Amino acid sequence: QILRQEEATAAEDGLYCQYGKYACIEMIGQTRSEEI
């Protein structure tokens, strides 16, 4: 899940851009096969 976020929106060259930083707690374990 996402715990908190810091976001900022700006208009640039005909676009709306949003920059954000997000603090999360998530599962990072990933299975990798190994050689015997």
PDB file of all heavy atoms in Angstrom:
ATOM      1  N   GLN A   1       0.829  -1.184   0.000  1.00  0.00           N
ATOM      2  CA  GLN A   1       0.000   0.000   0.000  1.00  0.00           C
ATOM      3  C   GLN A   1       0.873   1.246   0.000  1.00  0.00           C
ATOM      4  O   GLN A   1       2.065   1.200   0.312  1.00  0.00           O
ATOM      5  CB  GLN A   1      -0.911   0.015   1.227  1.00  0.00           C
ATOM      6  CG  GLN A   1      -0.170   0.014   2.550  1.00  0.00           C
ATOM      7  CD  GLN A   1      -1.100   0.014   3.735  1.00  0.00           C
ATOM      8  OE1 GLN A   1      -2.279   0.300   3.591  1.00  0.00           O
ATOM      9  NE2 GLN A   1      -0.571  -0.294   4.905  1.00  0.00           N
ATOM     10  N   ILE A   2       0.239   2.378  -0.370  1.00  0.00           N
ATOM     11  CA  ILE A   2       0.920   3.669  -0.375  1.00  0.00           C
ATOM     12  C   ILE A   2       0.628   4.356   0.957  1.00  0.00           C
ATOM     13  O   ILE A   2      -0.534   4.541   1.342  1.00  0.00           O
ATOM     14  CB  ILE A   2       0.426   4.527  -1.554  1.00  0.00           C
ATOM     15  CG1 ILE A   2       0.711   3.809  -2.885  1.00  0.00           C
ATOM     16  CG2 ILE A   2       1.092   5.898  -1.536  1.00  0.00           C
ATOM     17  CD1 ILE A   2       0.128   4.521  -4.090  1.00  0.00           C
ATOM     18  N   LEU A   3       1.682   4.742   1.658  1.00  0.00           N
ATOM     19  CA  LEU A   3       1.519   5.393   2.959  1.00  0.00           C
ATOM     20  C   LEU A   3       1.289   6.889   2.813  1.00  0.00           C
ATOM     21  O   LEU A   3       0.379   7.452   3.419  1.00  0.00           O
ATOM     22  CB  LEU A   3       2.747   5.127   3.831  1.00  0.00           C
ATOM     23  CG  LEU A   3       3.027   3.648   4.167  1.00  0.00           C
ATOM     24  CD1 LEU A   3       4.270   3.538   5.017  1.00  0.00           C
ATOM     25  CD2 LEU A   3       1.831   3.021   4.864  1.00  0.00           C
ATOM     26  N   ARG A   4       2.094   7.579   2.031  1.00  0.00           N
ATOM     27  CA  ARG A   4       1.949   9.015   1.828  1.00  0.00           C
ATOM     28  C   ARG A   4       2.537   9.392   0.480  1.00  0.00           C
ATOM     29  O   ARG A   4       3.306   8.632  -0.106  1.00  0.00           O
ATOM     30  CB  ARG A   4       2.631   9.799   2.952  1.00  0.00           C
ATOM     31  CG  ARG A   4       4.127   9.669   2.991  1.00  0.00           C
ATOM     32  CD  ARG A   4       4.751  10.511   4.092  1.00  0.00           C
ATOM     33  NE  ARG A   4       6.204  10.449   4.081  1.00  0.00           N
ATOM     34  CZ  ARG A   4       6.922   9.511   4.654  1.00  0.00           C
ATOM     35  NH1 ARG A   4       6.317   8.507   5.292  1.00  0.00           N
ATOM     36  NH2 ARG A   4       8.248   9.534   4.593  1.00  0.00           N
ATOM     37  N   GLN A   5       2.161  10.582   0.013  1.00  0.00           N
ATOM     38  CA  GLN A   5       2.650  11.048  -1.268  1.00  0.00           C
ATOM     39  C   GLN A   5       2.883  12.544  -1.221  1.00  0.00           C
ATOM     40  O   GLN A   5       2.216  13.260  -0.477  1.00  0.00           O
ATOM     41  CB  GLN A   5       1.673  10.708  -2.413  1.00  0.00           C
ATOM     42  CG  GLN A   5       0.364  11.449  -2.357  1.00  0.00           C
ATOM     43  CD  GLN A   5      -0.680  10.716  -1.545  1.00  0.00           C
ATOM     44  OE1 GLN A   5      -0.414   9.626  -1.026  1.00  0.00           O
ATOM     45  NE2 GLN A   5      -1.855  11.305  -1.446  1.00  0.00           N
ATOM     46  N   GLU A   6       3.825  12.996  -2.033  1.00  0.00           N
ATOM     47  CA  GLU A   6       4.102  14.413  -2.238  1.00  0.00           C
ATOM     48  C   GLU A   6       4.019  14.673  -3.741  1.00  0.00           C
ATOM     49  O   GLU A   6       4.807  14.129  -4.517  1.00  0.00           O
ATOM     50  CB  GLU A   6       5.492  14.774  -1.704  1.00  0.00           C
ATOM     51  CG  GLU A   6       5.654  14.580  -0.214  1.00  0.00           C
ATOM     52  CD  GLU A   6       7.061  14.900   0.251  1.00  0.00           C
ATOM     53  OE1 GLU A   6       7.881  15.287  -0.630  1.00  0.00           O
ATOM     54  OE2 GLU A   6       7.350  14.764   1.457  1.00  0.00           O
ATOM     55  N   GLU A   7       3.037  15.491  -4.148  1.00  0.00           N
ATOM     56  CA  GLU A   7       2.762  15.692  -5.568  1.00  0.00           C
ATOM     57  C   GLU A   7       2.741  17.177  -5.891  1.00  0.00           C
ATOM     58  O   GLU A   7       2.343  18.007  -5.055  1.00  0.00           O
ATOM     59  CB  GLU A   7       1.417  15.069  -5.950  1.00  0.00           C
ATOM     60  CG  GLU A   7       1.367  13.562  -5.747  1.00  0.00           C
ATOM     61  CD  GLU A   7      -0.009  12.991  -5.930  1.00  0.00           C
ATOM     62  OE1 GLU A   7      -1.000  13.746  -5.777  1.00  0.00           O
ATOM     63  OE2 GLU A   7      -0.113  11.781  -6.224  1.00  0.00           O
ATOM     64  N   ALA A   8       3.158  17.478  -7.122  1.00  0.00           N
ATOM     65  CA  ALA A   8       3.139  18.860  -7.620  1.00  0.00           C
ATOM     66  C   ALA A   8       2.738  18.822  -9.085  1.00  0.00           C
ATOM     67  O   ALA A   8       3.243  17.996  -9.866  1.00  0.00           O
ATOM     68  CB  ALA A   8       4.500  19.520  -7.451  1.00  0.00           C
ATOM     69  N   THR A   9       1.816  19.726  -9.474  1.00  0.00           N
ATOM     70  CA  THR A   9       1.294  19.766 -10.840  1.00  0.00           C
ATOM     71  C   THR A   9       1.684  21.077 -11.488  1.00  0.00           C
ATOM     72  O   THR A   9       1.629  22.149 -10.856  1.00  0.00           O
ATOM     73  CB  THR A   9      -0.235  19.615 -10.843  1.00  0.00           C
ATOM     74  OG1 THR A   9      -0.593  18.425 -10.138  1.00  0.00           O
ATOM     75  CG2 THR A   9      -0.772  19.540 -12.252  1.00  0.00           C
ATOM     76  N   ALA A  10       2.085  21.011 -12.769  1.00  0.00           N
ATOM     77  CA  ALA A  10       2.490  22.208 -13.516  1.00  0.00           C
ATOM     78  C   ALA A  10       2.082  22.040 -14.971  1.00  0.00           C
ATOM     79  O   ALA A  10       1.919  20.925 -15.471  1.00  0.00           O
ATOM     80  CB  ALA A  10       3.991  22.422 -13.403  1.00  0.00           C
ATOM     81  N   ALA A  11       1.883  23.180 -15.647  1.00  0.00           N
ATOM     82  CA  ALA A  11       1.546  23.200 -17.073  1.00  0.00           C
ATOM     83  C   ALA A  11       2.797  23.515 -17.869  1.00  0.00           C
ATOM     84  O   ALA A  11       3.438  24.551 -17.641  1.00  0.00           O
ATOM     85  CB  ALA A  11       0.457  24.235 -17.353  1.00  0.00           C
ATOM     86  N   GLU A  12       3.142  22.642 -18.822  1.00  0.00           N
ATOM     87  CA  GLU A  12       4.362  22.815 -19.600  1.00  0.00           C
ATOM     88  C   GLU A  12       4.094  22.445 -21.056  1.00  0.00           C
ATOM     89  O   GLU A  12       3.701  21.307 -21.358  1.00  0.00           O
ATOM     90  CB  GLU A  12       5.480  21.902 -19.062  1.00  0.00           C
ATOM     91  CG  GLU A  12       5.875  22.160 -17.623  1.00  0.00           C
ATOM     92  CD  GLU A  12       6.935  21.199 -17.152  1.00  0.00           C
ATOM     93  OE1 GLU A  12       7.353  20.341 -17.981  1.00  0.00           O
ATOM     94  OE2 GLU A  12       7.339  21.266 -15.984  1.00  0.00           O
ATOM     95  N   ASP A  13       4.278  23.438 -21.966  1.00  0.00           N
ATOM     96  CA  ASP A  13       4.214  23.197 -23.413  1.00  0.00           C
ATOM     97  C   ASP A  13       2.936  22.458 -23.821  1.00  0.00           C
ATOM     98  O   ASP A  13       2.959  21.455 -24.536  1.00  0.00           O
ATOM     99  CB  ASP A  13       5.433  22.397 -23.877  1.00  0.00           C
ATOM    100  CG  ASP A  13       6.729  23.138 -23.617  1.00  0.00           C
ATOM    101  OD1 ASP A  13       6.711  24.389 -23.623  1.00  0.00           O
ATOM    102  OD2 ASP A  13       7.749  22.452 -23.408  1.00  0.00           O
ATOM    103  N   GLY A  14       1.799  22.936 -23.358  1.00  0.00           N
ATOM    104  CA  GLY A  14       0.538  22.315 -23.726  1.00  0.00           C
ATOM    105  C   GLY A  14       0.246  21.023 -23.018  1.00  0.00           C
ATOM    106  O   GLY A  14      -0.623  20.266 -23.460  1.00  0.00           O
ATOM    107  N   LEU A  15       0.970  20.735 -21.939  1.00  0.00           N
ATOM    108  CA  LEU A  15       0.766  19.507 -21.176  1.00  0.00           C
ATOM    109  C   LEU A  15       0.561  19.841 -19.713  1.00  0.00           C
ATOM    110  O   LEU A  15       1.064  20.855 -19.207  1.00  0.00           O
ATOM    111  CB  LEU A  15       1.974  18.561 -21.327  1.00  0.00           C
ATOM    112  CG  LEU A  15       2.348  18.112 -22.734  1.00  0.00           C
ATOM    113  CD1 LEU A  15       3.649  17.318 -22.682  1.00  0.00           C
ATOM    114  CD2 LEU A  15       1.245  17.278 -23.356  1.00  0.00           C
ATOM    115  N   TYR A  16      -0.168  18.960 -19.036  1.00  0.00           N
ATOM    116  CA  TYR A  16      -0.243  18.998 -17.584  1.00  0.00           C
ATOM    117  C   TYR A  16       0.649  17.889 -17.055  1.00  0.00           C
ATOM    118  O   TYR A  16       0.462  16.722 -17.390  1.00  0.00           O
ATOM    119  CB  TYR A  16      -1.671  18.780 -17.096  1.00  0.00           C
ATOM    120  CG  TYR A  16      -2.610  19.938 -17.395  1.00  0.00           C
ATOM    121  CD1 TYR A  16      -3.896  19.713 -17.870  1.00  0.00           C
ATOM    122  CD2 TYR A  16      -2.201  21.246 -17.180  1.00  0.00           C
ATOM    123  CE1 TYR A  16      -4.748  20.760 -18.148  1.00  0.00           C
ATOM    124  CE2 TYR A  16      -3.047  22.311 -17.456  1.00  0.00           C
ATOM    125  CZ  TYR A  16      -4.324  22.060 -17.941  1.00  0.00           C
ATOM    126  OH  TYR A  16      -5.150  23.109 -18.210  1.00  0.00           O
ATOM    127  N   CYS A  17       1.639  18.252 -16.232  1.00  0.00           N
ATOM    128  CA  CYS A  17       2.587  17.277 -15.702  1.00  0.00           C
ATOM    129  C   CYS A  17       2.475  17.248 -14.177  1.00  0.00           C
ATOM    130  O   CYS A  17       2.379  18.295 -13.529  1.00  0.00           O
ATOM    131  CB  CYS A  17       4.022  17.642 -16.090  1.00  0.00           C
ATOM    132  SG  CYS A  17       4.302  17.743 -17.869  1.00  0.00           S
ATOM    133  N   GLN A  18       2.480  16.056 -13.664  1.00  0.00           N
ATOM    134  CA  GLN A  18       2.457  15.878 -12.218  1.00  0.00           C
ATOM    135  C   GLN A  18       3.679  15.078 -11.795  1.00  0.00           C
ATOM    136  O   GLN A  18       3.940  13.988 -12.330  1.00  0.00           O
ATOM    137  CB  GLN A  18       1.184  15.149 -11.772  1.00  0.00           C
ATOM    138  CG  GLN A  18       1.159  14.875 -10.267  1.00  0.00           C
ATOM    139  CD  GLN A  18      -0.111  14.176  -9.841  1.00  0.00           C
ATOM    140  OE1 GLN A  18      -1.147  14.797  -9.666  1.00  0.00           O
ATOM    141  NE2 GLN A  18      -0.029  12.877  -9.674  1.00  0.00           N
ATOM    142  N   TYR A  19       4.429  15.619 -10.850  1.00  0.00           N
ATOM    143  CA  TYR A  19       5.606  14.951 -10.301  1.00  0.00           C
ATOM    144  C   TYR A  19       5.257  14.524  -8.878  1.00  0.00           C
ATOM    145  O   TYR A  19       4.712  15.310  -8.085  1.00  0.00           O
ATOM    146  CB  TYR A  19       6.808  15.885 -10.296  1.00  0.00           C
ATOM    147  CG  TYR A  19       7.172  16.417 -11.663  1.00  0.00           C
ATOM    148  CD1 TYR A  19       6.596  17.586 -12.145  1.00  0.00           C
ATOM    149  CD2 TYR A  19       8.070  15.740 -12.469  1.00  0.00           C
ATOM    150  CE1 TYR A  19       6.910  18.069 -13.404  1.00  0.00           C
ATOM    151  CE2 TYR A  19       8.404  16.224 -13.719  1.00  0.00           C
ATOM    152  CZ  TYR A  19       7.820  17.382 -14.188  1.00  0.00           C
ATOM    153  OH  TYR A  19       8.127  17.858 -15.434  1.00  0.00           O
ATOM    154  N   GLY A  20       5.569  13.290  -8.550  1.00  0.00           N
ATOM    155  CA  GLY A  20       5.213  12.804  -7.234  1.00  0.00           C
ATOM    156  C   GLY A  20       6.238  11.846  -6.659  1.00  0.00           C
ATOM    157  O   GLY A  20       6.919  11.124  -7.396  1.00  0.00           O
ATOM    158  N   LYS A  21       6.343  11.888  -5.332  1.00  0.00           N
ATOM    159  CA  LYS A  21       7.133  10.924  -4.567  1.00  0.00           C
ATOM    160  C   LYS A  21       6.187  10.190  -3.634  1.00  0.00           C
ATOM    161  O   LYS A  21       5.342  10.814  -2.977  1.00  0.00           O
ATOM    162  CB  LYS A  21       8.236  11.620  -3.761  1.00  0.00           C
ATOM    163  CG  LYS A  21       9.396  12.129  -4.585  1.00  0.00           C
ATOM    164  CD  LYS A  21      10.491  12.665  -3.679  1.00  0.00           C
ATOM    165  CE  LYS A  21      11.702  13.123  -4.487  1.00  0.00           C
ATOM    166  NZ  LYS A  21      12.808  13.598  -3.597  1.00  0.00           N
ATOM    167  N   TYR A  22       6.350   8.872  -3.565  1.00  0.00           N
ATOM    168  CA  TYR A  22       5.404   8.053  -2.828  1.00  0.00           C
ATOM    169  C   TYR A  22       6.171   7.123  -1.891  1.00  0.00           C
ATOM    170  O   TYR A  22       7.100   6.412  -2.331  1.00  0.00           O
ATOM    171  CB  TYR A  22       4.536   7.231  -3.783  1.00  0.00           C
ATOM    172  CG  TYR A  22       3.789   8.084  -4.796  1.00  0.00           C
ATOM    173  CD1 TYR A  22       4.403   8.449  -6.004  1.00  0.00           C
ATOM    174  CD2 TYR A  22       2.517   8.541  -4.533  1.00  0.00           C
ATOM    175  CE1 TYR A  22       3.734   9.232  -6.922  1.00  0.00           C
ATOM    176  CE2 TYR A  22       1.834   9.319  -5.448  1.00  0.00           C
ATOM    177  CZ  TYR A  22       2.453   9.668  -6.644  1.00  0.00           C
ATOM    178  OH  TYR A  22       1.786  10.461  -7.544  1.00  0.00           O
ATOM    179  N   ALA A  23       5.809   7.144  -0.638  1.00  0.00           N
ATOM    180  CA  ALA A  23       6.371   6.232   0.351  1.00  0.00           C
ATOM    181  C   ALA A  23       5.418   5.040   0.475  1.00  0.00           C
ATOM    182  O   ALA A  23       4.219   5.214   0.735  1.00  0.00           O
ATOM    183  CB  ALA A  23       6.536   6.934   1.699  1.00  0.00           C
ATOM    184  N   CYS A  24       5.956   3.839   0.308  1.00  0.00           N
ATOM    185  CA  CYS A  24       5.110   2.635   0.253  1.00  0.00           C
ATOM    186  C   CYS A  24       5.666   1.565   1.167  1.00  0.00           C
ATOM    187  O   CYS A  24       6.859   1.546   1.512  1.00  0.00           O
ATOM    188  CB  CYS A  24       5.038   2.089  -1.173  1.00  0.00           C
ATOM    189  SG  CYS A  24       4.645   3.318  -2.435  1.00  0.00           S
ATOM    190  N   ILE A  25       4.794   0.666   1.559  1.00  0.00           N
ATOM    191  CA  ILE A  25       5.183  -0.612   2.164  1.00  0.00           C
ATOM    192  C   ILE A  25       4.694  -1.690   1.207  1.00  0.00           C
ATOM    193  O   ILE A  25       3.495  -1.797   0.945  1.00  0.00           O
ATOM    194  CB  ILE A  25       4.572  -0.788   3.564  1.00  0.00           C
ATOM    195  CG1 ILE A  25       5.258   0.144   4.555  1.00  0.00           C
ATOM    196  CG2 ILE A  25       4.734  -2.224   4.030  1.00  0.00           C
ATOM    197  CD1 ILE A  25       4.774  -0.004   5.976  1.00  0.00           C
ATOM    198  N   GLU A  26       5.621  -2.478   0.681  1.00  0.00           N
ATOM    199  CA  GLU A  26       5.255  -3.470  -0.317  1.00  0.00           C
ATOM    200  C   GLU A  26       6.137  -4.699  -0.200  1.00  0.00           C
ATOM    201  O   GLU A  26       7.210  -4.665   0.406  1.00  0.00           O
ATOM    202  CB  GLU A  26       5.389  -2.884  -1.722  1.00  0.00           C
ATOM    203  CG  GLU A  26       6.796  -2.414  -2.060  1.00  0.00           C
ATOM    204  CD  GLU A  26       6.904  -1.898  -3.478  1.00  0.00           C
ATOM    205  OE1 GLU A  26       6.611  -2.690  -4.389  1.00  0.00           O
ATOM    206  OE2 GLU A  26       7.275  -0.710  -3.645  1.00  0.00           O
ATOM    207  N   MET A  27       5.634  -5.791  -0.772  1.00  0.00           N
ATOM    208  CA  MET A  27       6.399  -7.031  -0.802  1.00  0.00           C
ATOM    209  C   MET A  27       7.466  -6.920  -1.884  1.00  0.00           C
ATOM    210  O   MET A  27       7.157  -6.646  -3.041  1.00  0.00           O
ATOM    211  CB  MET A  27       5.497  -8.227  -1.073  1.00  0.00           C
ATOM    212  CG  MET A  27       6.228  -9.571  -1.052  1.00  0.00           C
ATOM    213  SD  MET A  27       5.184 -10.950  -1.585  1.00  0.00           S
ATOM    214  CE  MET A  27       3.971 -10.940  -0.278  1.00  0.00           C
ATOM    215  N   ILE A  28       8.724  -7.124  -1.456  1.00  0.00           N
ATOM    216  CA  ILE A  28       9.821  -6.997  -2.414  1.00  0.00           C
ATOM    217  C   ILE A  28      10.462  -8.342  -2.722  1.00  0.00           C
ATOM    218  O   ILE A  28      11.393  -8.410  -3.534  1.00  0.00           O
ATOM    219  CB  ILE A  28      10.889  -6.011  -1.895  1.00  0.00           C
ATOM    220  CG1 ILE A  28      11.524  -6.546  -0.612  1.00  0.00           C
ATOM    221  CG2 ILE A  28      10.302  -4.632  -1.705  1.00  0.00           C
ATOM    222  CD1 ILE A  28      12.718  -5.750  -0.155  1.00  0.00           C
ATOM    223  N   GLY A  29      10.002  -9.410  -2.089  1.00  0.00           N
ATOM    224  CA  GLY A  29      10.586 -10.722  -2.344  1.00  0.00           C
ATOM    225  C   GLY A  29      10.211 -11.253  -3.712  1.00  0.00           C
ATOM    226  O   GLY A  29       9.044 -11.263  -4.098  1.00  0.00           O
ATOM    227  N   GLN A  30      11.193 -11.670  -4.472  1.00  0.00           N
ATOM    228  CA  GLN A  30      10.989 -12.182  -5.830  1.00  0.00           C
ATOM    229  C   GLN A  30      11.752 -13.492  -5.973  1.00  0.00           C
ATOM    230  O   GLN A  30      12.938 -13.578  -5.627  1.00  0.00           O
ATOM    231  CB  GLN A  30      11.475 -11.161  -6.860  1.00  0.00           C
ATOM    232  CG  GLN A  30      11.231 -11.566  -8.301  1.00  0.00           C
ATOM    233  CD  GLN A  30      11.686 -10.482  -9.269  1.00  0.00           C
ATOM    234  OE1 GLN A  30      12.406  -9.549  -8.868  1.00  0.00           O
ATOM    235  NE2 GLN A  30      11.287 -10.596 -10.513  1.00  0.00           N
ATOM    236  N   THR A  31      11.065 -14.538  -6.472  1.00  0.00           N
ATOM    237  CA  THR A  31      11.674 -15.857  -6.595  1.00  0.00           C
ATOM    238  C   THR A  31      12.633 -15.893  -7.774  1.00  0.00           C
ATOM    239  O   THR A  31      12.309 -15.409  -8.870  1.00  0.00           O
ATOM    240  CB  THR A  31      10.590 -16.935  -6.769  1.00  0.00           C
ATOM    241  OG1 THR A  31       9.698 -16.880  -5.647  1.00  0.00           O
ATOM    242  CG2 THR A  31      11.205 -18.320  -6.849  1.00  0.00           C
ATOM    243  N   ARG A  32      13.829 -16.491  -7.535  1.00  0.00           N
ATOM    244  CA  ARG A  32      14.833 -16.642  -8.589  1.00  0.00           C
ATOM    245  C   ARG A  32      15.361 -18.080  -8.553  1.00  0.00           C
ATOM    246  O   ARG A  32      15.747 -18.583  -7.494  1.00  0.00           O
ATOM    247  CB  ARG A  32      15.984 -15.660  -8.380  1.00  0.00           C
ATOM    248  CG  ARG A  32      17.044 -15.717  -9.492  1.00  0.00           C
ATOM    249  CD  ARG A  32      18.152 -14.724  -9.218  1.00  0.00           C
ATOM    250  NE  ARG A  32      18.940 -15.105  -8.033  1.00  0.00           N
ATOM    251  CZ  ARG A  32      19.921 -14.351  -7.527  1.00  0.00           C
ATOM    252  NH1 ARG A  32      20.194 -13.174  -8.086  1.00  0.00           N
ATOM    253  NH2 ARG A  32      20.599 -14.764  -6.470  1.00  0.00           N
ATOM    254  N   SER A  33      15.345 -18.745  -9.690  1.00  0.00           N
ATOM    255  CA  SER A  33      15.847 -20.121  -9.767  1.00  0.00           C
ATOM    256  C   SER A  33      17.365 -20.134  -9.640  1.00  0.00           C
ATOM    257  O   SER A  33      18.058 -19.245 -10.161  1.00  0.00           O
ATOM    258  CB  SER A  33      15.416 -20.781 -11.078  1.00  0.00           C
ATOM    259  OG  SER A  33      14.018 -20.850 -11.164  1.00  0.00           O
ATOM    260  N   GLU A  34      17.891 -21.170  -8.975  1.00  0.00           N
ATOM    261  CA  GLU A  34      19.319 -21.297  -8.752  1.00  0.00           C
ATOM    262  C   GLU A  34      19.814 -22.594  -9.363  1.00  0.00           C
ATOM    263  O   GLU A  34      19.056 -23.551  -9.554  1.00  0.00           O
ATOM    264  CB  GLU A  34      19.639 -21.313  -7.238  1.00  0.00           C
ATOM    265  CG  GLU A  34      19.144 -20.085  -6.506  1.00  0.00           C
ATOM    266  CD  GLU A  34      19.952 -18.851  -6.816  1.00  0.00           C
ATOM    267  OE1 GLU A  34      20.999 -18.980  -7.489  1.00  0.00           O
ATOM    268  OE2 GLU A  34      19.568 -17.750  -6.368  1.00  0.00           O
ATOM    269  N   GLU A  35      21.096 -22.619  -9.677  1.00  0.00           N
ATOM    270  CA  GLU A  35      21.720 -23.830 -10.170  1.00  0.00           C
ATOM    271  C   GLU A  35      22.035 -24.764  -8.996  1.00  0.00           C
ATOM    272  O   GLU A  35      22.334 -24.318  -7.874  1.00  0.00           O
ATOM    273  CB  GLU A  35      23.025 -23.515 -10.913  1.00  0.00           C
ATOM    274  CG  GLU A  35      22.828 -22.705 -12.177  1.00  0.00           C
ATOM    275  CD  GLU A  35      24.136 -22.470 -12.887  1.00  0.00           C
ATOM    276  OE1 GLU A  35      25.174 -22.911 -12.355  1.00  0.00           O
ATOM    277  OE2 GLU A  35      24.102 -21.829 -13.964  1.00  0.00           O
ATOM    278  N   ILE A  36      21.921 -26.053  -9.248  1.00  0.00           N
ATOM    279  CA  ILE A  36      22.198 -27.027  -8.213  1.00  0.00           C
ATOM    280  C   ILE A  36      23.707 -27.110  -7.965  1.00  0.00           C
ATOM    281  O   ILE A  36      24.494 -27.285  -8.907  1.00  0.00           O
ATOM    282  CB  ILE A  36      21.631 -28.401  -8.592  1.00  0.00           C
ATOM    283  CG1 ILE A  36      20.104 -28.333  -8.733  1.00  0.00           C
ATOM    284  CG2 ILE A  36      22.027 -29.457  -7.556  1.00  0.00           C
ATOM    285  CD1 ILE A  36      19.476 -29.623  -9.146  1.00  0.00           C
TER     286      ILE A  36
END
